[in-house]
C-alpha atoms as a PDB file:
ATOM      1  CA  MET A   1       0.000   0.000   0.000  1.00  0.00           C
ATOM      2  CA  ASN A   2       1.200   3.505  -0.789  1.00  0.00           C
ATOM      3  CA  TYR A   3       0.491   6.649   1.185  1.00  0.00           C
ATOM      4  CA  THR A   4       0.520  10.366   0.567  1.00  0.00           C
ATOM      5  CA  ARG A   5       2.116  12.526   3.261  1.00  0.00           C
ATOM      6  CA  LYS A   6      -1.338  13.376   4.594  1.00  0.00           C
ATOM      7  CA  SER A   7      -2.605   9.785   4.632  1.00  0.00           C
ATOM      8  CA  LEU A   8       0.579   8.462   6.276  1.00  0.00           C
ATOM      9  CA  ALA A   9       0.462  11.144   8.957  1.00  0.00           C
ATOM     10  CA  LYS A  10      -3.177  10.302   9.617  1.00  0.00           C
ATOM     11  CA  GLU A  11      -2.474   6.544   9.678  1.00  0.00           C
ATOM     12  CA  ALA A  12       0.380   7.033  12.162  1.00  0.00           C
ATOM     13  CA  GLY A  13      -1.534   9.513  14.310  1.00  0.00           C
ATOM     14  CA  ILE A  14       1.039  12.268  13.866  1.00  0.00           C
ATOM     15  CA  GLY A  15       1.006  15.674  12.251  1.00  0.00           C
ATOM     16  CA  ILE A  16       2.319  16.385   8.780  1.00  0.00           C
ATOM     17  CA  GLU A  17       4.984  18.630  10.330  1.00  0.00           C
ATOM     18  CA  THR A  18       6.163  15.707  12.477  1.00  0.00           C
ATOM     19  CA  LEU A  19       6.495  13.586   9.368  1.00  0.00           C
ATOM     20  CA  ARG A  20       8.495  16.350   7.684  1.00  0.00           C
ATOM     21  CA  TYR A  21      10.699  16.588  10.765  1.00  0.00           C
ATOM     22  CA  TYR A  22      11.360  12.822  10.704  1.00  0.00           C
ATOM     23  CA  GLU A  23      12.471  13.196   7.091  1.00  0.00           C
ATOM     24  CA  LYS A  24      14.684  16.160   7.960  1.00  0.00           C
ATOM     25  CA  MET A  25      16.253  14.182  10.838  1.00  0.00           C
ATOM     26  CA  GLU A  26      16.747  11.312   8.357  1.00  0.00           C
ATOM     27  CA  LEU A  27      14.741   8.927  10.506  1.00  0.00           C
ATOM     28  CA  ILE A  28      12.936   8.009   7.311  1.00  0.00           C
ATOM     29  CA  LYS A  29      14.271   8.325   3.790  1.00  0.00           C
ATOM     30  CA  PRO A  30      12.913  10.955   1.429  1.00  0.00           C
ATOM     31  CA  PRO A  31       9.991   9.375  -0.399  1.00  0.00           C
ATOM     32  CA  ALA A  32       9.690   8.853  -4.120  1.00  0.00           C
ATOM     33  CA  ARG A  33       7.468  11.212  -6.049  1.00  0.00           C
ATOM     34  CA  ALA A  34       4.481  10.297  -8.163  1.00  0.00           C
ATOM     35  CA  SER A  35       4.011  11.783 -11.614  1.00  0.00           C
ATOM     36  CA  ASN A  36       1.825  14.481 -10.062  1.00  0.00           C
ATOM     37  CA  GLY A  37       4.679  15.482  -7.740  1.00  0.00           C
ATOM     38  CA  TYR A  38       3.103  14.068  -4.598  1.00  0.00           C
ATOM     39  CA  ARG A  39       5.338  12.207  -2.210  1.00  0.00           C
ATOM     40  CA  VAL A  40       4.665   8.487  -2.171  1.00  0.00           C
ATOM     41  CA  TYR A  41       5.350   6.609   1.047  1.00  0.00           C
ATOM     42  CA  THR A  42       5.435   2.851   1.282  1.00  0.00           C
ATOM     43  CA  GLU A  43       4.240   0.324   3.820  1.00  0.00           C
ATOM     44  CA  GLU A  44       7.885   0.070   4.916  1.00  0.00           C
ATOM     45  CA  ASP A  45       7.826   3.794   5.723  1.00  0.00           C
ATOM     46  CA  ALA A  46       4.611   3.317   7.718  1.00  0.00           C
ATOM     47  CA  ASN A  47       6.173   0.454   9.664  1.00  0.00           C
ATOM     48  CA  LYS A  48       9.312   2.474  10.362  1.00  0.00           C
ATOM     49  CA  ILE A  49       7.223   5.318  11.755  1.00  0.00           C
ATOM     50  CA  LYS A  50       5.365   2.853  13.990  1.00  0.00           C
ATOM     51  CA  HIS A  51       8.735   1.646  15.312  1.00  0.00           C
ATOM     52  CA  ILE A  52       9.901   5.230  15.874  1.00  0.00           C
ATOM     53  CA  LEU A  53       6.729   6.050  17.798  1.00  0.00           C
ATOM     54  CA  GLY A  54       7.066   2.842  19.802  1.00  0.00           C
ATOM     55  CA  ALA A  55      10.650   3.683  20.753  1.00  0.00           C
ATOM     56  CA  LYS A  56       9.569   7.213  21.725  1.00  0.00           C
ATOM     57  CA  LYS A  57       6.823   5.724  23.877  1.00  0.00           C
ATOM     58  CA  TYR A  58       9.485   3.796  25.776  1.00  0.00           C
ATOM     59  CA  GLY A  59      11.466   6.959  26.412  1.00  0.00           C
ATOM     60  CA  PHE A  60      14.062   6.914  23.654  1.00  0.00           C
ATOM     61  CA  SER A  61      14.960  10.292  22.200  1.00  0.00           C
ATOM     62  CA  LEU A  62      14.956  10.902  18.469  1.00  0.00           C
ATOM     63  CA  ARG A  63      18.750  11.077  18.638  1.00  0.00           C
ATOM     64  CA  GLU A  64      18.882   7.618  20.216  1.00  0.00           C
ATOM     65  CA  ILE A  65      16.379   6.283  17.705  1.00  0.00           C
ATOM     66  CA  LYS A  66      18.466   7.734  14.862  1.00  0.00           C
ATOM     67  CA  ILE A  67      21.540   5.880  16.151  1.00  0.00           C
ATOM     68  CA  MET A  68      19.616   2.602  16.241  1.00  0.00           C
ATOM     69  CA  ILE A  69      18.182   3.151  12.763  1.00  0.00           C
ATOM     70  CA  ASP A  70      21.581   4.043  11.307  1.00  0.00           C
ATOM     71  CA  LYS A  71      23.177   0.939  12.790  1.00  0.00           C
ATOM     72  CA  ALA A  72      20.358  -1.265  11.541  1.00  0.00           C
ATOM     73  CA  GLU A  73      20.484   0.203   8.031  1.00  0.00           C
ATOM     74  CA  ASN A  74      24.266  -0.093   7.823  1.00  0.00           C
ATOM     75  CA  MET A  75      24.058  -3.718   8.921  1.00  0.00           C
ATOM     76  CA  LYS A  76      26.277  -2.951  11.866  1.00  0.00           C
ATOM     77  CA  LEU A  77      23.951  -4.700  14.260  1.00  0.00           C
ATOM     78  CA  ASP A  78      26.407  -5.223  17.060  1.00  0.00           C
ATOM     79  CA  SER A  79      24.409  -6.314  20.086  1.00  0.00           C
ATOM     80  CA  ASN A  80      27.056  -4.656  22.258  1.00  0.00           C
ATOM     81  CA  ASP A  81      26.133  -1.257  20.764  1.00  0.00           C
ATOM     82  CA  PHE A  82      22.481  -1.790  21.600  1.00  0.00           C
ATOM     83  CA  GLU A  83      23.406  -3.031  25.064  1.00  0.00           C
ATOM     84  CA  ILE A  84      25.360   0.191  25.654  1.00  0.00           C
ATOM     85  CA  LEU A  85      22.399   2.290  24.469  1.00  0.00           C
ATOM     86  CA  PHE A  86      20.006   0.332  26.664  1.00  0.00           C
ATOM     87  CA  ARG A  87      22.290   0.538  29.712  1.00  0.00           C
ATOM     88  CA  ASP A  88      22.598   4.305  29.183  1.00  0.00           C
ATOM     89  CA  LYS A  89      18.813   4.526  28.965  1.00  0.00           C
ATOM     90  CA  ILE A  90      18.496   2.571  32.229  1.00  0.00           C
ATOM     91  CA  LYS A  91      20.905   5.043  33.891  1.00  0.00           C
ATOM     92  CA  ASP A  92      18.793   7.938  32.582  1.00  0.00           C
ATOM     93  CA  ILE A  93      15.633   6.326  33.941  1.00  0.00           C
ATOM     94  CA  ASP A  94      17.236   5.709  37.337  1.00  0.00           C
ATOM     95  CA  LYS A  95      18.333   9.358  37.445  1.00  0.00           C
ATOM     96  CA  GLN A  96      14.813  10.519  36.585  1.00  0.00           C
ATOM     97  CA  ILE A  97      13.348   8.256  39.275  1.00  0.00           C
ATOM     98  CA  ASN A  98      15.704   9.706  41.889  1.00  0.00           C
ATOM     99  CA  GLU A  99      14.913  13.262  40.808  1.00  0.00           C
ATOM    100  CA  LEU A 100      11.181  12.552  40.994  1.00  0.00           C
ATOM    101  CA  LYS A 101      11.550  10.967  44.438  1.00  0.00           C
ATOM    102  CA  SER A 102      13.392  14.084  45.623  1.00  0.00           C
ATOM    103  CA  LEU A 103      10.712  16.326  44.174  1.00  0.00           C
ATOM    104  CA  LYS A 104       7.988  14.218  45.785  1.00  0.00           C
ATOM    105  CA  LYS A 105       9.739  14.481  49.146  1.00  0.00           C
ATOM    106  CA  LEU A 106      10.011  18.277  48.821  1.00  0.00           C
ATOM    107  CA  LEU A 107       6.343  18.605  47.902  1.00  0.00           C
ATOM    108  CA  ILE A 108       5.258  16.404  50.803  1.00  0.00           C
ATOM    109  CA  GLU A 109       7.379  18.465  53.194  1.00  0.00           C
ATOM    110  CA  TYR A 110       5.853  21.627  51.775  1.00  0.00           C
ATOM    111  CA  ILE A 111       2.240  20.556  52.274  1.00  0.00           C
ATOM    112  CA  ASP A 112       2.866  18.733  55.560  1.00  0.00           C
ATOM    113  CA  PRO A 113       6.042  19.968  57.306  1.00  0.00           C
ATOM    114  CA  ALA A 114       5.443  17.549  60.214  1.00  0.00           C
ATOM    115  CA  LYS A 115       6.245  14.510  58.056  1.00  0.00           C
END
């Protein structure tokens, strides 16, 4: 199945500007053009966007996603590279958890200084 920019954005649940940004960031390749000049996206493009959105949902930044995509496309699928990325992500999550715990403690102390 082929998509126009508008139909792919709608299918993925993102805005057209987001799709343009993903192209600019080279998360997806520039699409082919139909004879009428419209961009033509493929099912592969749709699947890639679903993977990008899934990775974002799990807290990966676009920069991190770009690194994973580049490695996958260049067939440099070294599991050690992914392990490093995932371990770094775990460190980031742990840091965020600690920061949120500290914030929670401050807020509790603010609303109930006796605790």
